[in-house]
Amino acid sequence: MCFTRDGQNNVVIYAVTSDPVPNKIVTVTDIDANSVFSVLLTADPNKVYRGIKFAPVAASGPVTVPPSSFSVFRGVLESGGLAELAASDDQYMIIRNGITALRTESPITLIVDGTSPNQTVSDLKFVLENHVSITGLTQRLDLFDFVAGSYENQDTRSATTTDSVVTVTATTPNRFIETGTMDMRERTRIRADGPVFTNTWRSLFDQTVWVVTP
């Protein structure tokens, strides 16, 4: 006999009957005293089921993976955390531009890590939703290639002052999943590639997630 729960948190029971050959596998959702069993399977002639065992099954469709950790490599974290990055809900992680030594460095650099549900995947996407407080900024989205040991740029574009969504699809996706740990890493860099008319600006991150298809 095995137990699980359905989407309404009701107990679901699976059992093997004690019928003479052939026996059956039955199930019931325990809602009240009037709940009744229904037959799922009947054994083949001259055969019996000996028991039931649940086993994990790898997801077959796309799985959304939120970040499990983050690092503000450059910039100043003003508010928000992992919860703000997990969903597209207008709840933001806000990062203010920081000090850089070189013009080529990005005053806002956010790095996020997540864990893939599978070591080998057929498709890997990263979704970034954010906006910035001023015009004239460029954002770059990079994925970390664990085979090469370096970041690879996936998208470069002008940052927008209202929420916009960027979705990138990785080529040869398994190189972006670390062997063993199944870690995934993404880096968003934002900087001014031309003149801006304020010393202080911000990026508001609404969502940073991977979409993994086994």
N, C-alpha and C. Protein backbone atom coordinates (compact mmCIF):
# COMPACT_ATOMS: atom_id res chain seq x y z
N MET A 1 0.84 -1.19 0.00
CA MET A 1 0.00 0.00 0.00
C MET A 1 0.88 1.24 0.00
N CYS A 2 0.49 2.25 -0.80
CA CYS A 2 1.23 3.50 -0.87
C CYS A 2 0.27 4.67 -0.73
N PHE A 3 0.81 5.78 -0.26
CA PHE A 3 0.00 6.97 -0.03
C PHE A 3 0.66 8.17 -0.71
N THR A 4 -0.17 9.08 -1.20
CA THR A 4 0.30 10.37 -1.70
C THR A 4 -0.82 11.37 -1.49
N ARG A 5 -0.66 12.58 -1.99
CA ARG A 5 -1.70 13.60 -1.88
C ARG A 5 -1.97 14.21 -3.24
N ASP A 6 -3.22 14.65 -3.45
CA ASP A 6 -3.57 15.28 -4.71
C ASP A 6 -3.43 16.80 -4.58
N GLY A 7 -3.85 17.53 -5.61
CA GLY A 7 -3.71 18.97 -5.61
C GLY A 7 -4.53 19.68 -4.56
N GLN A 8 -5.55 19.01 -4.00
CA GLN A 8 -6.36 19.59 -2.93
C GLN A 8 -5.94 19.08 -1.55
N ASN A 9 -4.77 18.44 -1.49
CA ASN A 9 -4.18 17.93 -0.25
C ASN A 9 -4.97 16.75 0.33
N ASN A 10 -5.79 16.08 -0.49
CA ASN A 10 -6.48 14.87 -0.04
C ASN A 10 -5.52 13.68 -0.14
N VAL A 11 -5.64 12.76 0.80
CA VAL A 11 -4.82 11.55 0.76
C VAL A 11 -5.32 10.63 -0.35
N VAL A 12 -4.38 10.16 -1.18
CA VAL A 12 -4.70 9.20 -2.24
C VAL A 12 -4.01 7.88 -1.89
N ILE A 13 -4.79 6.80 -1.86
CA ILE A 13 -4.28 5.49 -1.46
C ILE A 13 -4.21 4.58 -2.69
N TYR A 14 -3.10 3.86 -2.82
CA TYR A 14 -2.93 2.84 -3.85
C TYR A 14 -2.68 1.52 -3.14
N ALA A 15 -3.35 0.46 -3.62
CA ALA A 15 -3.22 -0.83 -2.94
C ALA A 15 -3.35 -1.97 -3.93
N VAL A 16 -2.85 -3.14 -3.51
CA VAL A 16 -2.99 -4.38 -4.27
C VAL A 16 -4.05 -5.24 -3.58
N THR A 17 -4.99 -5.75 -4.36
CA THR A 17 -6.06 -6.56 -3.77
C THR A 17 -5.56 -7.97 -3.46
N SER A 18 -6.30 -8.63 -2.58
CA SER A 18 -5.96 -10.02 -2.21
C SER A 18 -6.78 -11.03 -2.99
N ASP A 19 -7.34 -10.62 -4.14
CA ASP A 19 -8.13 -11.54 -4.97
C ASP A 19 -7.29 -12.74 -5.40
N PRO A 20 -7.93 -13.87 -5.69
CA PRO A 20 -7.22 -14.97 -6.36
C PRO A 20 -6.70 -14.48 -7.71
N VAL A 21 -5.75 -15.23 -8.26
CA VAL A 21 -5.16 -14.87 -9.55
C VAL A 21 -6.25 -14.69 -10.60
N PRO A 22 -6.26 -13.57 -11.38
CA PRO A 22 -5.38 -12.41 -11.30
C PRO A 22 -5.93 -11.40 -10.29
N ASN A 23 -5.03 -10.66 -9.62
CA ASN A 23 -5.49 -9.63 -8.69
C ASN A 23 -5.44 -8.25 -9.36
N LYS A 24 -5.63 -7.19 -8.56
CA LYS A 24 -5.79 -5.86 -9.13
C LYS A 24 -5.00 -4.82 -8.33
N ILE A 25 -4.71 -3.70 -8.98
CA ILE A 25 -4.23 -2.51 -8.31
C ILE A 25 -5.38 -1.51 -8.29
N VAL A 26 -5.68 -1.00 -7.09
CA VAL A 26 -6.82 -0.11 -6.93
C VAL A 26 -6.37 1.19 -6.26
N THR A 27 -7.21 2.20 -6.38
CA THR A 27 -6.90 3.49 -5.76
C THR A 27 -8.17 4.14 -5.25
N VAL A 28 -8.00 5.01 -4.25
CA VAL A 28 -9.12 5.78 -3.72
C VAL A 28 -8.58 7.12 -3.22
N THR A 29 -9.35 8.17 -3.44
CA THR A 29 -9.05 9.47 -2.85
C THR A 29 -9.88 9.61 -1.59
N ASP A 30 -9.21 9.71 -0.46
CA ASP A 30 -9.87 9.69 0.84
C ASP A 30 -10.47 11.05 1.17
N ILE A 31 -11.68 11.28 0.65
CA ILE A 31 -12.38 12.54 0.89
C ILE A 31 -13.29 12.44 2.11
N ASP A 32 -14.05 11.34 2.17
CA ASP A 32 -14.94 11.13 3.33
C ASP A 32 -15.24 9.64 3.42
N ALA A 33 -16.16 9.28 4.31
CA ALA A 33 -16.48 7.88 4.55
C ALA A 33 -17.13 7.19 3.36
N ASN A 34 -17.59 7.96 2.40
CA ASN A 34 -18.26 7.39 1.23
C ASN A 34 -17.31 7.18 0.04
N SER A 35 -16.02 7.49 0.22
CA SER A 35 -15.06 7.31 -0.87
C SER A 35 -14.92 5.84 -1.22
N VAL A 36 -14.85 5.51 -2.50
CA VAL A 36 -14.78 4.12 -2.93
C VAL A 36 -13.55 3.91 -3.82
N PHE A 37 -13.04 2.69 -3.80
CA PHE A 37 -11.90 2.32 -4.62
C PHE A 37 -12.31 2.17 -6.08
N SER A 38 -11.36 2.47 -6.96
CA SER A 38 -11.54 2.19 -8.38
C SER A 38 -10.34 1.38 -8.86
N VAL A 39 -10.55 0.55 -9.89
CA VAL A 39 -9.51 -0.34 -10.39
C VAL A 39 -8.64 0.41 -11.39
N LEU A 40 -7.32 0.37 -11.15
CA LEU A 40 -6.38 0.95 -12.09
C LEU A 40 -5.87 -0.09 -13.08
N LEU A 41 -5.50 -1.27 -12.57
CA LEU A 41 -4.91 -2.32 -13.40
C LEU A 41 -5.39 -3.68 -12.92
N THR A 42 -5.52 -4.60 -13.87
CA THR A 42 -5.81 -6.00 -13.55
C THR A 42 -4.67 -6.84 -14.09
N ALA A 43 -4.14 -7.73 -13.27
CA ALA A 43 -3.01 -8.56 -13.67
C ALA A 43 -3.38 -9.46 -14.85
N ASP A 44 -2.37 -9.83 -15.62
CA ASP A 44 -2.58 -10.77 -16.72
C ASP A 44 -2.94 -12.14 -16.16
N PRO A 45 -3.55 -13.01 -16.96
CA PRO A 45 -3.91 -14.36 -16.50
C PRO A 45 -2.71 -15.09 -15.90
N ASN A 46 -2.94 -15.76 -14.77
CA ASN A 46 -1.92 -16.56 -14.08
C ASN A 46 -0.77 -15.71 -13.52
N LYS A 47 -1.02 -14.42 -13.34
CA LYS A 47 -0.02 -13.54 -12.74
C LYS A 47 -0.66 -12.70 -11.64
N VAL A 48 0.19 -12.24 -10.69
CA VAL A 48 -0.31 -11.41 -9.60
C VAL A 48 0.63 -10.23 -9.38
N TYR A 49 0.06 -9.13 -8.90
CA TYR A 49 0.86 -8.01 -8.45
C TYR A 49 1.27 -8.26 -7.00
N ARG A 50 2.55 -8.05 -6.70
CA ARG A 50 3.08 -8.30 -5.36
C ARG A 50 3.12 -7.04 -4.50
N GLY A 51 3.07 -5.87 -5.12
CA GLY A 51 3.15 -4.63 -4.35
C GLY A 51 3.25 -3.43 -5.26
N ILE A 52 3.37 -2.27 -4.63
CA ILE A 52 3.45 -1.00 -5.34
C ILE A 52 4.62 -0.22 -4.77
N LYS A 53 5.36 0.45 -5.64
CA LYS A 53 6.46 1.29 -5.20
C LYS A 53 6.52 2.53 -6.07
N PHE A 54 6.56 3.70 -5.43
CA PHE A 54 6.72 4.95 -6.15
C PHE A 54 8.19 5.18 -6.47
N ALA A 55 8.46 5.72 -7.65
CA ALA A 55 9.83 6.03 -8.05
C ALA A 55 9.83 7.38 -8.73
N PRO A 56 10.89 8.18 -8.54
CA PRO A 56 10.95 9.49 -9.20
C PRO A 56 11.06 9.34 -10.71
N VAL A 57 10.42 10.24 -11.41
CA VAL A 57 10.47 10.27 -12.86
C VAL A 57 10.96 11.63 -13.29
N ALA A 58 11.96 11.67 -14.14
CA ALA A 58 12.49 12.94 -14.61
C ALA A 58 11.42 13.71 -15.38
N ALA A 59 11.40 15.02 -15.18
CA ALA A 59 10.43 15.84 -15.88
C ALA A 59 10.64 15.72 -17.39
N SER A 60 9.54 15.67 -18.13
CA SER A 60 9.63 15.51 -19.58
C SER A 60 9.45 16.82 -20.32
N GLY A 61 8.87 17.82 -19.65
CA GLY A 61 8.63 19.10 -20.28
C GLY A 61 9.52 20.19 -19.69
N PRO A 62 9.38 21.42 -20.16
CA PRO A 62 10.20 22.51 -19.65
C PRO A 62 10.00 22.73 -18.15
N VAL A 63 11.09 23.00 -17.46
CA VAL A 63 11.06 23.27 -16.02
C VAL A 63 11.67 24.65 -15.79
N THR A 64 10.96 25.50 -15.07
CA THR A 64 11.47 26.82 -14.74
C THR A 64 12.30 26.73 -13.47
N VAL A 65 13.54 27.20 -13.54
CA VAL A 65 14.47 27.11 -12.41
C VAL A 65 14.82 28.52 -11.94
N PRO A 66 14.36 28.92 -10.74
CA PRO A 66 14.75 30.23 -10.21
C PRO A 66 16.16 30.18 -9.65
N PRO A 67 16.81 31.32 -9.45
CA PRO A 67 18.15 31.30 -8.87
C PRO A 67 18.13 30.84 -7.42
N SER A 68 19.19 30.14 -7.02
CA SER A 68 19.34 29.69 -5.64
C SER A 68 20.33 30.56 -4.87
N SER A 69 21.11 31.37 -5.60
CA SER A 69 22.03 32.31 -4.97
C SER A 69 22.32 33.44 -5.94
N PHE A 70 22.82 34.56 -5.41
CA PHE A 70 23.18 35.69 -6.27
C PHE A 70 24.36 36.43 -5.66
N SER A 71 25.03 37.19 -6.50
CA SER A 71 26.14 38.02 -6.07
C SER A 71 26.10 39.33 -6.84
N VAL A 72 26.14 40.45 -6.12
CA VAL A 72 26.27 41.74 -6.77
C VAL A 72 27.77 42.00 -6.91
N PHE A 73 28.33 41.63 -8.07
CA PHE A 73 29.77 41.72 -8.29
C PHE A 73 30.22 43.17 -8.35
N ARG A 74 29.41 44.01 -9.01
CA ARG A 74 29.63 45.46 -8.99
C ARG A 74 28.28 46.13 -8.80
N GLY A 75 28.29 47.22 -8.04
CA GLY A 75 27.07 47.94 -7.75
C GLY A 75 26.72 47.84 -6.28
N VAL A 76 25.62 48.48 -5.92
CA VAL A 76 25.16 48.52 -4.52
C VAL A 76 23.74 47.98 -4.46
N LEU A 77 23.55 46.91 -3.70
CA LEU A 77 22.21 46.34 -3.53
C LEU A 77 21.42 47.24 -2.60
N GLU A 78 20.35 47.82 -3.12
CA GLU A 78 19.51 48.71 -2.31
C GLU A 78 18.34 47.98 -1.66
N SER A 79 17.77 47.02 -2.37
CA SER A 79 16.66 46.27 -1.80
C SER A 79 16.42 45.01 -2.62
N GLY A 80 15.70 44.06 -2.00
CA GLY A 80 15.33 42.84 -2.70
C GLY A 80 16.33 41.72 -2.52
N GLY A 81 15.91 40.52 -2.96
CA GLY A 81 16.74 39.34 -2.84
C GLY A 81 16.24 38.26 -3.79
N LEU A 82 16.48 37.01 -3.41
CA LEU A 82 16.12 35.89 -4.29
C LEU A 82 14.62 35.85 -4.60
N ALA A 83 13.80 36.17 -3.61
CA ALA A 83 12.34 36.10 -3.81
C ALA A 83 11.91 37.04 -4.93
N GLU A 84 12.55 38.20 -5.04
CA GLU A 84 12.17 39.16 -6.07
C GLU A 84 12.59 38.72 -7.46
N LEU A 85 13.59 37.83 -7.54
CA LEU A 85 14.08 37.37 -8.84
C LEU A 85 13.31 36.16 -9.38
N ALA A 86 12.51 35.52 -8.54
CA ALA A 86 11.92 34.24 -8.91
C ALA A 86 10.70 34.36 -9.82
N ALA A 87 9.97 35.47 -9.72
CA ALA A 87 8.70 35.56 -10.46
C ALA A 87 8.55 36.93 -11.11
N SER A 88 7.80 36.95 -12.21
CA SER A 88 7.47 38.20 -12.89
C SER A 88 6.24 38.80 -12.21
N ASP A 89 6.49 39.63 -11.18
CA ASP A 89 5.39 40.11 -10.36
C ASP A 89 5.54 41.58 -9.96
N ASP A 90 6.45 42.30 -10.62
CA ASP A 90 6.70 43.71 -10.32
C ASP A 90 7.20 43.92 -8.90
N GLN A 91 7.82 42.90 -8.33
CA GLN A 91 8.55 43.02 -7.06
C GLN A 91 10.03 42.95 -7.43
N TYR A 92 10.80 43.97 -7.11
CA TYR A 92 12.11 44.13 -7.72
C TYR A 92 13.28 43.97 -6.75
N MET A 93 14.37 43.43 -7.29
CA MET A 93 15.69 43.63 -6.69
C MET A 93 16.26 44.90 -7.33
N ILE A 94 16.64 45.86 -6.49
CA ILE A 94 17.11 47.15 -7.00
C ILE A 94 18.60 47.29 -6.70
N ILE A 95 19.38 47.53 -7.76
CA ILE A 95 20.83 47.69 -7.64
C ILE A 95 21.21 49.06 -8.20
N ARG A 96 21.98 49.82 -7.41
CA ARG A 96 22.48 51.12 -7.84
C ARG A 96 23.88 50.96 -8.43
N ASN A 97 24.20 51.81 -9.39
CA ASN A 97 25.52 51.72 -10.01
C ASN A 97 26.63 51.96 -8.99
N GLY A 98 27.73 51.24 -9.16
CA GLY A 98 28.86 51.36 -8.26
C GLY A 98 30.06 51.98 -8.95
N ILE A 99 31.18 52.02 -8.22
CA ILE A 99 32.41 52.63 -8.72
C ILE A 99 33.18 51.59 -9.54
N THR A 100 33.74 52.02 -10.66
CA THR A 100 34.57 51.15 -11.49
C THR A 100 35.92 51.83 -11.74
N ALA A 101 36.94 51.02 -11.98
CA ALA A 101 38.27 51.55 -12.25
C ALA A 101 38.46 51.85 -13.73
N LEU A 102 37.73 51.12 -14.59
CA LEU A 102 37.89 51.26 -16.04
C LEU A 102 36.56 51.53 -16.70
N ARG A 103 36.57 52.25 -17.80
CA ARG A 103 35.33 52.53 -18.53
C ARG A 103 34.70 51.27 -19.10
N THR A 104 35.51 50.24 -19.33
CA THR A 104 34.99 48.99 -19.90
C THR A 104 34.29 48.12 -18.86
N GLU A 105 34.43 48.45 -17.58
CA GLU A 105 33.77 47.68 -16.53
C GLU A 105 32.32 48.14 -16.38
N SER A 106 31.47 47.23 -15.95
CA SER A 106 30.04 47.54 -15.82
C SER A 106 29.72 47.91 -14.38
N PRO A 107 29.22 49.14 -14.13
CA PRO A 107 28.93 49.57 -12.76
C PRO A 107 27.84 48.76 -12.07
N ILE A 108 27.00 48.08 -12.85
CA ILE A 108 26.07 47.09 -12.28
C ILE A 108 26.38 45.75 -12.92
N THR A 109 26.77 44.78 -12.09
CA THR A 109 27.03 43.42 -12.54
C THR A 109 26.40 42.46 -11.55
N LEU A 110 25.37 41.77 -11.98
CA LEU A 110 24.65 40.81 -11.15
C LEU A 110 24.92 39.40 -11.65
N ILE A 111 25.32 38.50 -10.75
CA ILE A 111 25.57 37.10 -11.08
C ILE A 111 24.58 36.24 -10.31
N VAL A 112 23.89 35.35 -11.01
CA VAL A 112 22.94 34.43 -10.36
C VAL A 112 23.32 33.00 -10.69
N ASP A 113 23.09 32.10 -9.72
CA ASP A 113 23.33 30.67 -9.90
C ASP A 113 22.04 29.91 -9.62
N GLY A 114 21.85 28.82 -10.37
CA GLY A 114 20.72 27.92 -10.15
C GLY A 114 21.16 26.50 -10.40
N THR A 115 20.30 25.55 -10.05
CA THR A 115 20.62 24.13 -10.20
C THR A 115 19.69 23.49 -11.21
N SER A 116 20.27 22.92 -12.26
CA SER A 116 19.48 22.23 -13.28
C SER A 116 18.88 20.95 -12.70
N PRO A 117 17.65 20.60 -13.08
CA PRO A 117 17.08 19.32 -12.63
C PRO A 117 17.69 18.12 -13.33
N ASN A 118 18.43 18.36 -14.42
CA ASN A 118 19.03 17.27 -15.20
C ASN A 118 20.46 17.64 -15.58
N GLN A 119 21.31 16.62 -15.64
CA GLN A 119 22.68 16.86 -16.09
C GLN A 119 22.73 17.12 -17.60
N THR A 120 21.90 16.40 -18.34
CA THR A 120 21.86 16.53 -19.79
C THR A 120 20.49 17.06 -20.20
N VAL A 121 20.48 18.10 -21.01
CA VAL A 121 19.22 18.71 -21.42
C VAL A 121 19.19 18.85 -22.94
N SER A 122 17.99 18.99 -23.47
CA SER A 122 17.84 19.21 -24.91
C SER A 122 17.71 20.68 -25.24
N ASP A 123 17.32 21.49 -24.25
CA ASP A 123 17.13 22.91 -24.51
C ASP A 123 17.34 23.68 -23.20
N LEU A 124 18.01 24.82 -23.31
CA LEU A 124 18.28 25.65 -22.13
C LEU A 124 18.08 27.11 -22.51
N LYS A 125 17.16 27.76 -21.80
CA LYS A 125 16.88 29.17 -22.02
C LYS A 125 17.14 29.95 -20.73
N PHE A 126 17.44 31.22 -20.89
CA PHE A 126 17.50 32.12 -19.73
C PHE A 126 16.60 33.30 -20.01
N VAL A 127 15.82 33.68 -18.99
CA VAL A 127 14.85 34.77 -19.12
C VAL A 127 15.22 35.88 -18.14
N LEU A 128 15.39 37.07 -18.65
CA LEU A 128 15.68 38.25 -17.84
C LEU A 128 14.58 39.28 -18.05
N GLU A 129 13.99 39.75 -16.95
CA GLU A 129 13.03 40.84 -17.01
C GLU A 129 13.51 41.95 -16.08
N ASN A 130 13.71 43.14 -16.63
CA ASN A 130 14.19 44.24 -15.81
C ASN A 130 13.95 45.57 -16.52
N HIS A 131 14.27 46.66 -15.83
CA HIS A 131 14.35 47.97 -16.47
C HIS A 131 15.33 48.83 -15.70
N VAL A 132 15.74 49.94 -16.32
CA VAL A 132 16.70 50.85 -15.70
C VAL A 132 16.06 52.22 -15.51
N SER A 133 16.75 53.06 -14.74
CA SER A 133 16.15 54.33 -14.34
C SER A 133 16.43 55.47 -15.30
N ILE A 134 17.39 55.30 -16.23
CA ILE A 134 17.71 56.35 -17.19
C ILE A 134 17.94 55.73 -18.57
N THR A 135 17.91 56.56 -19.58
CA THR A 135 18.24 56.10 -20.93
C THR A 135 19.75 56.16 -21.14
N GLY A 136 20.21 55.55 -22.22
CA GLY A 136 21.61 55.62 -22.58
C GLY A 136 22.47 54.49 -22.01
N LEU A 137 21.84 53.45 -21.49
CA LEU A 137 22.57 52.33 -20.90
C LEU A 137 22.47 51.11 -21.80
N THR A 138 23.50 50.28 -21.76
CA THR A 138 23.53 49.02 -22.51
C THR A 138 23.63 47.87 -21.52
N GLN A 139 22.84 46.83 -21.77
CA GLN A 139 22.91 45.64 -20.91
C GLN A 139 23.40 44.45 -21.71
N ARG A 140 24.18 43.61 -21.05
CA ARG A 140 24.75 42.42 -21.66
C ARG A 140 24.40 41.21 -20.79
N LEU A 141 23.95 40.15 -21.43
CA LEU A 141 23.56 38.92 -20.75
C LEU A 141 24.55 37.83 -21.13
N ASP A 142 25.23 37.24 -20.14
CA ASP A 142 26.25 36.22 -20.37
C ASP A 142 25.90 34.93 -19.62
N LEU A 143 26.16 33.79 -20.24
CA LEU A 143 26.06 32.50 -19.58
C LEU A 143 27.46 31.93 -19.37
N PHE A 144 27.66 31.25 -18.24
CA PHE A 144 28.98 30.68 -17.95
C PHE A 144 29.11 29.31 -18.59
N ASP A 145 30.14 29.17 -19.42
CA ASP A 145 30.46 27.91 -20.09
C ASP A 145 31.43 27.13 -19.18
N PHE A 146 30.94 26.07 -18.54
CA PHE A 146 31.76 25.32 -17.59
C PHE A 146 32.83 24.47 -18.29
N VAL A 147 32.66 24.21 -19.58
CA VAL A 147 33.68 23.49 -20.33
C VAL A 147 34.85 24.42 -20.63
N ALA A 148 34.55 25.61 -21.12
CA ALA A 148 35.60 26.57 -21.45
C ALA A 148 36.11 27.30 -20.22
N GLY A 149 35.29 27.32 -19.14
CA GLY A 149 35.70 28.02 -17.93
C GLY A 149 35.60 29.52 -18.05
N SER A 150 34.64 30.02 -18.84
CA SER A 150 34.51 31.47 -19.03
C SER A 150 33.07 31.80 -19.43
N TYR A 151 32.74 33.08 -19.31
CA TYR A 151 31.41 33.54 -19.72
C TYR A 151 31.35 33.69 -21.24
N GLU A 152 30.16 33.45 -21.77
CA GLU A 152 29.91 33.66 -23.20
C GLU A 152 28.72 34.61 -23.34
N ASN A 153 28.93 35.70 -24.05
CA ASN A 153 27.86 36.67 -24.23
C ASN A 153 26.74 36.08 -25.09
N GLN A 154 25.50 36.26 -24.63
CA GLN A 154 24.33 35.74 -25.34
C GLN A 154 23.47 36.84 -25.94
N ASP A 155 23.53 38.04 -25.35
CA ASP A 155 22.66 39.12 -25.83
C ASP A 155 23.23 40.46 -25.37
N THR A 156 23.23 41.43 -26.28
CA THR A 156 23.62 42.80 -25.96
C THR A 156 22.59 43.73 -26.59
N ARG A 157 22.05 44.65 -25.78
CA ARG A 157 21.03 45.56 -26.29
C ARG A 157 20.93 46.79 -25.39
N SER A 158 20.22 47.80 -25.89
CA SER A 158 19.95 48.98 -25.07
C SER A 158 18.99 48.61 -23.95
N ALA A 159 19.32 49.05 -22.73
CA ALA A 159 18.43 48.80 -21.60
C ALA A 159 17.23 49.74 -21.71
N THR A 160 16.07 49.25 -21.27
CA THR A 160 14.83 50.01 -21.38
C THR A 160 14.43 50.59 -20.03
N THR A 161 13.65 51.66 -20.06
CA THR A 161 13.21 52.31 -18.82
C THR A 161 11.85 51.80 -18.35
N THR A 162 11.27 50.86 -19.06
CA THR A 162 10.11 50.11 -18.58
C THR A 162 10.44 48.62 -18.69
N ASP A 163 9.75 47.81 -17.93
CA ASP A 163 10.06 46.38 -17.91
C ASP A 163 10.07 45.79 -19.32
N SER A 164 11.13 45.07 -19.63
CA SER A 164 11.19 44.33 -20.88
C SER A 164 11.77 42.95 -20.58
N VAL A 165 11.40 41.99 -21.41
CA VAL A 165 11.80 40.59 -21.22
C VAL A 165 12.76 40.20 -22.33
N VAL A 166 13.90 39.64 -21.93
CA VAL A 166 14.86 39.10 -22.88
C VAL A 166 14.96 37.60 -22.63
N THR A 167 14.77 36.79 -23.67
CA THR A 167 14.91 35.34 -23.58
C THR A 167 15.99 34.90 -24.54
N VAL A 168 17.01 34.23 -24.01
CA VAL A 168 18.08 33.72 -24.87
C VAL A 168 18.04 32.19 -24.84
N THR A 169 18.38 31.58 -25.96
CA THR A 169 18.46 30.13 -26.08
C THR A 169 19.91 29.73 -26.30
N ALA A 170 20.43 28.90 -25.42
CA ALA A 170 21.84 28.51 -25.48
C ALA A 170 22.05 27.48 -26.59
N THR A 171 23.13 27.64 -27.34
CA THR A 171 23.54 26.62 -28.30
C THR A 171 24.45 25.62 -27.57
N THR A 172 24.34 24.34 -27.94
CA THR A 172 25.07 23.27 -27.23
C THR A 172 24.86 23.46 -25.72
N PRO A 173 23.66 23.29 -25.23
CA PRO A 173 23.30 23.75 -23.88
C PRO A 173 24.01 23.05 -22.73
N ASN A 174 24.46 21.82 -22.90
CA ASN A 174 25.01 21.09 -21.76
C ASN A 174 26.33 21.67 -21.24
N ARG A 175 27.01 22.48 -22.04
CA ARG A 175 28.25 23.09 -21.56
C ARG A 175 27.98 24.18 -20.53
N PHE A 176 26.73 24.62 -20.44
CA PHE A 176 26.36 25.64 -19.46
C PHE A 176 25.83 25.02 -18.16
N ILE A 177 25.98 23.70 -18.01
CA ILE A 177 25.60 22.99 -16.79
C ILE A 177 26.85 22.29 -16.26
N GLU A 178 27.23 22.60 -15.03
CA GLU A 178 28.44 22.03 -14.46
C GLU A 178 28.26 20.54 -14.18
N THR A 179 29.22 19.72 -14.60
CA THR A 179 29.16 18.29 -14.35
C THR A 179 29.22 18.00 -12.86
N GLY A 180 28.31 17.17 -12.39
CA GLY A 180 28.29 16.79 -10.98
C GLY A 180 27.36 17.66 -10.16
N THR A 181 27.65 18.96 -10.07
CA THR A 181 26.82 19.85 -9.25
C THR A 181 25.55 20.28 -9.98
N MET A 182 25.57 20.25 -11.32
CA MET A 182 24.49 20.72 -12.18
C MET A 182 24.19 22.20 -11.97
N ASP A 183 25.22 22.92 -11.57
CA ASP A 183 25.10 24.37 -11.38
C ASP A 183 24.98 25.07 -12.73
N MET A 184 24.21 26.15 -12.77
CA MET A 184 24.10 27.04 -13.93
C MET A 184 24.38 28.46 -13.44
N ARG A 185 25.02 29.27 -14.29
CA ARG A 185 25.41 30.62 -13.85
C ARG A 185 25.16 31.62 -14.98
N GLU A 186 24.62 32.76 -14.59
CA GLU A 186 24.35 33.84 -15.56
C GLU A 186 24.85 35.15 -14.97
N ARG A 187 25.30 36.03 -15.87
CA ARG A 187 25.79 37.35 -15.46
C ARG A 187 25.13 38.43 -16.31
N THR A 188 24.56 39.43 -15.64
CA THR A 188 24.00 40.60 -16.33
C THR A 188 24.89 41.80 -16.03
N ARG A 189 25.36 42.45 -17.10
CA ARG A 189 26.22 43.63 -16.96
C ARG A 189 25.52 44.84 -17.59
N ILE A 190 25.53 45.95 -16.87
CA ILE A 190 24.88 47.17 -17.38
C ILE A 190 25.85 48.33 -17.22
N ARG A 191 26.04 49.08 -18.31
CA ARG A 191 26.93 50.23 -18.26
C ARG A 191 26.50 51.26 -19.30
N ALA A 192 27.03 52.46 -19.16
CA ALA A 192 26.80 53.51 -20.15
C ALA A 192 27.88 53.43 -21.21
N ASP A 193 27.48 53.26 -22.44
CA ASP A 193 28.44 53.23 -23.54
C ASP A 193 28.57 54.59 -24.21
N GLY A 194 27.91 55.60 -23.63
CA GLY A 194 27.97 56.97 -24.13
C GLY A 194 27.71 57.91 -22.97
N PRO A 195 27.55 59.18 -23.22
CA PRO A 195 27.32 60.14 -22.13
C PRO A 195 25.94 59.97 -21.50
N VAL A 196 25.90 60.06 -20.17
CA VAL A 196 24.65 60.10 -19.41
C VAL A 196 24.72 61.34 -18.52
N PHE A 197 23.57 61.85 -18.13
CA PHE A 197 23.51 63.15 -17.49
C PHE A 197 23.20 63.06 -16.00
N THR A 198 23.58 61.95 -15.39
CA THR A 198 23.45 61.79 -13.94
C THR A 198 24.52 60.82 -13.48
N ASN A 199 24.97 60.99 -12.25
CA ASN A 199 25.99 60.10 -11.71
C ASN A 199 25.40 58.85 -11.07
N THR A 200 24.10 58.89 -10.80
CA THR A 200 23.47 57.79 -10.08
C THR A 200 22.33 57.22 -10.92
N TRP A 201 22.33 55.93 -11.13
CA TRP A 201 21.25 55.26 -11.84
C TRP A 201 21.10 53.84 -11.30
N ARG A 202 20.03 53.19 -11.68
CA ARG A 202 19.68 51.90 -11.08
C ARG A 202 19.14 50.93 -12.13
N SER A 203 19.24 49.66 -11.78
CA SER A 203 18.52 48.62 -12.53
C SER A 203 17.57 47.94 -11.57
N LEU A 204 16.36 47.72 -12.03
CA LEU A 204 15.33 47.05 -11.23
C LEU A 204 15.06 45.69 -11.88
N PHE A 205 15.47 44.63 -11.20
CA PHE A 205 15.36 43.27 -11.72
C PHE A 205 14.07 42.64 -11.21
N ASP A 206 13.21 42.24 -12.16
CA ASP A 206 11.94 41.62 -11.80
C ASP A 206 12.03 40.10 -11.79
N GLN A 207 12.73 39.54 -12.77
CA GLN A 207 12.84 38.07 -12.86
C GLN A 207 14.12 37.66 -13.56
N THR A 208 14.79 36.64 -13.02
CA THR A 208 15.93 35.99 -13.69
C THR A 208 15.78 34.50 -13.47
N VAL A 209 15.42 33.75 -14.51
CA VAL A 209 15.18 32.32 -14.37
C VAL A 209 15.71 31.58 -15.59
N TRP A 210 16.01 30.30 -15.39
CA TRP A 210 16.31 29.39 -16.50
C TRP A 210 15.06 28.60 -16.84
N VAL A 211 14.93 28.20 -18.09
CA VAL A 211 13.88 27.26 -18.51
C VAL A 211 14.59 26.08 -19.14
N VAL A 212 14.50 24.93 -18.46
CA VAL A 212 15.28 23.75 -18.83
C VAL A 212 14.35 22.67 -19.37
N THR A 213 14.67 22.13 -20.54
CA THR A 213 13.91 21.02 -21.11
C THR A 213 14.81 19.79 -21.17
N PRO A 214 14.44 18.70 -20.45
CA PRO A 214 15.29 17.49 -20.45
C PRO A 214 15.48 16.92 -21.85
